[in-house]
Each structure stands twice: as structure tokens, then as C-alpha cells.
Amino acid sequence: MIVLYIYHHISKFVPKGYKEIYYESGFLVNEADISFMNNYDNTVNGGFHWIDDLDEGENFKTIPSNPEREGYTFGGWYYEPECVDQCDLTTYIKGEDDLILYAKWTESEGDNNL
């Protein structure tokens, strides 16, 4: 079960597709419309790093911390899993569609001084 959620006023936001799981908690449950995905196999939280909920025309109020992955360097947030088009979180303005962003990973170089 995914345990990642954010509180916004009296509502709880959960990732798309998980609304029914949390509905019985007694909170007003809404699905977030922005998802930041870790973008690799066997990751925690079903692959979600962060979720957010923005209204159309809003920009990010909180930019999540960079994810960490052992043996890899984080290379930014991208619009597609293949990491072709990078999203600038400081200038992004929410449109009418949901947004899923994917982390880019570059394998870290090992210690070559052995």
C-alpha cells in the first residue's frame, strides 16, 4: 500500500488510483494531479517520490527535495520516463491536464583509485 500523501487544509491528497484505499479514513480524499516518480524498478511507495495538487494557472509553491538512489546521481525532473524534455519547476504553470514527472538517473562513477 502507498503511504505517501499530503495534507491540504482538511483534505488528504493521494496518488491517482488510490482514492478508495483512503476513503474510509474519515478525511475528504482528493486525488493529486501532479506526481513525481522515482522512475526505476523496485522503488518504495509504488514509485511515487512526491505528489502535489495545483489548480490550473498555479505554479509550484513547494518544490520537493531531490530523490536519492544508491549508486546514482539525480539529474532533474522530466516529462517522460525516457528523460528527453526537462521540466523547469521554477517556471512551470499548471495547465488543465494532470502532470507526471520522472526522475533522471545517471550511474555514479566508482572509486577508480584502487
C-alpha atoms as a PDB file:
ATOM      1  CA  MET A   1       0.000   0.000   0.000  1.00  0.00           C
ATOM      2  CA  ILE A   2       1.265   3.501  -0.803  1.00  0.00           C
ATOM      3  CA  VAL A   3       1.537   5.691   2.290  1.00  0.00           C
ATOM      4  CA  LEU A   4       2.630   8.879   0.568  1.00  0.00           C
ATOM      5  CA  TYR A   5       0.135  11.726   0.838  1.00  0.00           C
ATOM      6  CA  ILE A   6      -0.021  15.419   1.606  1.00  0.00           C
ATOM      7  CA  TYR A   7      -2.450  17.408   3.694  1.00  0.00           C
ATOM      8  CA  HIS A   8      -4.066  20.476   2.229  1.00  0.00           C
ATOM      9  CA  HIS A   9      -6.455  22.247   4.592  1.00  0.00           C
ATOM     10  CA  ILE A  10      -8.737  19.415   5.759  1.00  0.00           C
ATOM     11  CA  SER A  11      -8.306  17.248   2.691  1.00  0.00           C
ATOM     12  CA  LYS A  12      -5.903  14.411   2.136  1.00  0.00           C
ATOM     13  CA  PHE A  13      -4.407  14.092  -1.338  1.00  0.00           C
ATOM     14  CA  VAL A  14      -3.456  10.673  -2.620  1.00  0.00           C
ATOM     15  CA  PRO A  15      -1.948   9.471  -5.919  1.00  0.00           C
ATOM     16  CA  LYS A  16      -4.282   8.808  -8.836  1.00  0.00           C
ATOM     17  CA  GLY A  17      -5.936   5.418  -8.482  1.00  0.00           C
ATOM     18  CA  TYR A  18      -5.626   5.169  -4.678  1.00  0.00           C
ATOM     19  CA  LYS A  19      -8.669   7.194  -3.604  1.00  0.00           C
ATOM     20  CA  GLU A  20     -10.739   4.191  -2.478  1.00  0.00           C
ATOM     21  CA  ILE A  21      -7.960   2.924  -0.213  1.00  0.00           C
ATOM     22  CA  TYR A  22      -8.011   6.113   1.854  1.00  0.00           C
ATOM     23  CA  TYR A  23     -11.705   6.966   1.650  1.00  0.00           C
ATOM     24  CA  GLU A  24     -12.579   5.124   4.863  1.00  0.00           C
ATOM     25  CA  SER A  25     -10.060   7.156   6.873  1.00  0.00           C
ATOM     26  CA  GLY A  26     -12.677   9.823   7.623  1.00  0.00           C
ATOM     27  CA  PHE A  27     -10.897  12.505   5.597  1.00  0.00           C
ATOM     28  CA  LEU A  28     -12.149  14.160   2.472  1.00  0.00           C
ATOM     29  CA  VAL A  29      -9.937  12.403  -0.041  1.00  0.00           C
ATOM     30  CA  ASN A  30      -8.917  14.001  -3.335  1.00  0.00           C
ATOM     31  CA  GLU A  31      -6.582  12.701  -5.979  1.00  0.00           C
ATOM     32  CA  ALA A  32      -3.451  14.745  -6.569  1.00  0.00           C
ATOM     33  CA  ASP A  33      -2.910  15.957 -10.111  1.00  0.00           C
ATOM     34  CA  ILE A  34       0.886  16.220 -10.027  1.00  0.00           C
ATOM     35  CA  SER A  35       3.071  13.140  -9.491  1.00  0.00           C
ATOM     36  CA  PHE A  36       6.851  12.970  -9.193  1.00  0.00           C
ATOM     37  CA  MET A  37       8.006   9.431  -9.996  1.00  0.00           C
ATOM     38  CA  ASN A  38      11.297   7.835  -8.920  1.00  0.00           C
ATOM     39  CA  ASN A  39      11.494   6.192 -12.367  1.00  0.00           C
ATOM     40  CA  TYR A  40      13.265   2.905 -11.581  1.00  0.00           C
ATOM     41  CA  ASP A  41      12.232  -0.639 -10.690  1.00  0.00           C
ATOM     42  CA  ASN A  42      11.727  -1.859  -7.119  1.00  0.00           C
ATOM     43  CA  THR A  43      11.339   1.608  -5.620  1.00  0.00           C
ATOM     44  CA  VAL A  44       9.369   2.421  -2.463  1.00  0.00           C
ATOM     45  CA  ASN A  45       5.876   3.978  -2.396  1.00  0.00           C
ATOM     46  CA  GLY A  46       4.892   2.392  -5.689  1.00  0.00           C
ATOM     47  CA  GLY A  47       7.383   4.638  -7.462  1.00  0.00           C
ATOM     48  CA  PHE A  48       5.987   7.927  -6.125  1.00  0.00           C
ATOM     49  CA  HIS A  49       8.535  10.404  -4.727  1.00  0.00           C
ATOM     50  CA  TRP A  50       6.126  13.300  -4.186  1.00  0.00           C
ATOM     51  CA  ILE A  51       2.588  14.298  -5.092  1.00  0.00           C
ATOM     52  CA  ASP A  52       1.005  17.718  -5.271  1.00  0.00           C
ATOM     53  CA  ASP A  53      -2.269  19.324  -6.219  1.00  0.00           C
ATOM     54  CA  LEU A  54      -2.385  22.551  -8.203  1.00  0.00           C
ATOM     55  CA  ASP A  55      -5.207  24.499  -9.751  1.00  0.00           C
ATOM     56  CA  GLU A  56      -4.989  25.491 -13.385  1.00  0.00           C
ATOM     57  CA  GLY A  57      -2.738  28.558 -13.749  1.00  0.00           C
ATOM     58  CA  GLU A  58      -0.827  27.932 -10.493  1.00  0.00           C
ATOM     59  CA  ASN A  59       2.882  27.307 -10.172  1.00  0.00           C
ATOM     60  CA  PHE A  60       4.631  25.132  -7.577  1.00  0.00           C
ATOM     61  CA  LYS A  61       4.534  26.508  -4.041  1.00  0.00           C
ATOM     62  CA  THR A  62       6.801  23.705  -2.821  1.00  0.00           C
ATOM     63  CA  ILE A  63       9.495  22.068  -4.896  1.00  0.00           C
ATOM     64  CA  PRO A  64      10.256  18.614  -3.498  1.00  0.00           C
ATOM     65  CA  SER A  65      13.709  17.664  -2.333  1.00  0.00           C
ATOM     66  CA  ASN A  66      15.785  15.713  -4.810  1.00  0.00           C
ATOM     67  CA  PRO A  67      15.328  11.962  -4.545  1.00  0.00           C
ATOM     68  CA  GLU A  68      18.268   9.738  -3.668  1.00  0.00           C
ATOM     69  CA  ARG A  69      19.267   6.403  -5.136  1.00  0.00           C
ATOM     70  CA  GLU A  70      22.320   4.402  -4.136  1.00  0.00           C
ATOM     71  CA  GLY A  71      24.927   4.334  -6.891  1.00  0.00           C
ATOM     72  CA  TYR A  72      23.213   7.021  -8.979  1.00  0.00           C
ATOM     73  CA  THR A  73      23.128  10.797  -9.336  1.00  0.00           C
ATOM     74  CA  PHE A  74      19.805  12.597  -9.725  1.00  0.00           C
ATOM     75  CA  GLY A  75      19.619  14.579 -12.979  1.00  0.00           C
ATOM     76  CA  GLY A  76      16.350  16.513 -12.788  1.00  0.00           C
ATOM     77  CA  TRP A  77      12.634  16.047 -13.492  1.00  0.00           C
ATOM     78  CA  TYR A  78      11.428  15.144 -16.986  1.00  0.00           C
ATOM     79  CA  TYR A  79       8.076  14.920 -18.753  1.00  0.00           C
ATOM     80  CA  GLU A  80       8.603  11.350 -19.936  1.00  0.00           C
ATOM     81  CA  PRO A  81      10.223   8.191 -18.467  1.00  0.00           C
ATOM     82  CA  GLU A  82      12.935   8.325 -21.159  1.00  0.00           C
ATOM     83  CA  CYS A  83      14.022  11.730 -19.776  1.00  0.00           C
ATOM     84  CA  VAL A  84      14.119  13.746 -23.006  1.00  0.00           C
ATOM     85  CA  ASP A  85      12.324  17.019 -22.129  1.00  0.00           C
ATOM     86  CA  GLN A  86      13.253  18.522 -18.763  1.00  0.00           C
ATOM     87  CA  CYS A  87      10.694  20.404 -16.674  1.00  0.00           C
ATOM     88  CA  ASP A  88      11.793  23.680 -15.098  1.00  0.00           C
ATOM     89  CA  LEU A  89       9.924  23.584 -11.774  1.00  0.00           C
ATOM     90  CA  THR A  90      10.636  27.264 -11.102  1.00  0.00           C
ATOM     91  CA  THR A  91       8.700  28.442 -14.171  1.00  0.00           C
ATOM     92  CA  TYR A  92       6.124  25.654 -14.668  1.00  0.00           C
ATOM     93  CA  ILE A  93       2.470  26.789 -14.694  1.00  0.00           C
ATOM     94  CA  LYS A  94      -0.248  24.148 -14.322  1.00  0.00           C
ATOM     95  CA  GLY A  95      -2.419  23.581 -17.366  1.00  0.00           C
ATOM     96  CA  GLU A  96      -5.720  21.720 -17.414  1.00  0.00           C
ATOM     97  CA  ASP A  97      -4.120  18.251 -17.669  1.00  0.00           C
ATOM     98  CA  ASP A  98      -2.577  16.162 -14.896  1.00  0.00           C
ATOM     99  CA  LEU A  99       1.220  16.094 -14.827  1.00  0.00           C
ATOM    100  CA  ILE A 100       3.542  13.164 -14.200  1.00  0.00           C
ATOM    101  CA  LEU A 101       7.247  13.928 -13.906  1.00  0.00           C
ATOM    102  CA  TYR A 102      10.039  11.352 -13.946  1.00  0.00           C
ATOM    103  CA  ALA A 103      13.430  11.429 -12.225  1.00  0.00           C
ATOM    104  CA  LYS A 104      16.523  11.102 -14.407  1.00  0.00           C
ATOM    105  CA  TRP A 105      19.329   8.940 -13.051  1.00  0.00           C
ATOM    106  CA  THR A 106      22.970   8.727 -14.102  1.00  0.00           C
ATOM    107  CA  GLU A 107      25.073   5.894 -12.744  1.00  0.00           C
ATOM    108  CA  SER A 108      27.741   7.302 -10.419  1.00  0.00           C
ATOM    109  CA  GLU A 109      31.337   6.561 -11.224  1.00  0.00           C
ATOM    110  CA  GLY A 110      33.011   4.220  -8.763  1.00  0.00           C
ATOM    111  CA  ASP A 111      36.259   4.841  -6.912  1.00  0.00           C
ATOM    112  CA  ASN A 112      38.988   4.200  -9.511  1.00  0.00           C
ATOM    113  CA  ASN A 113      41.831   4.695  -7.032  1.00  0.00           C
ATOM    114  CA  LEU A 114      42.076   1.018  -6.006  1.00  0.00           C
END
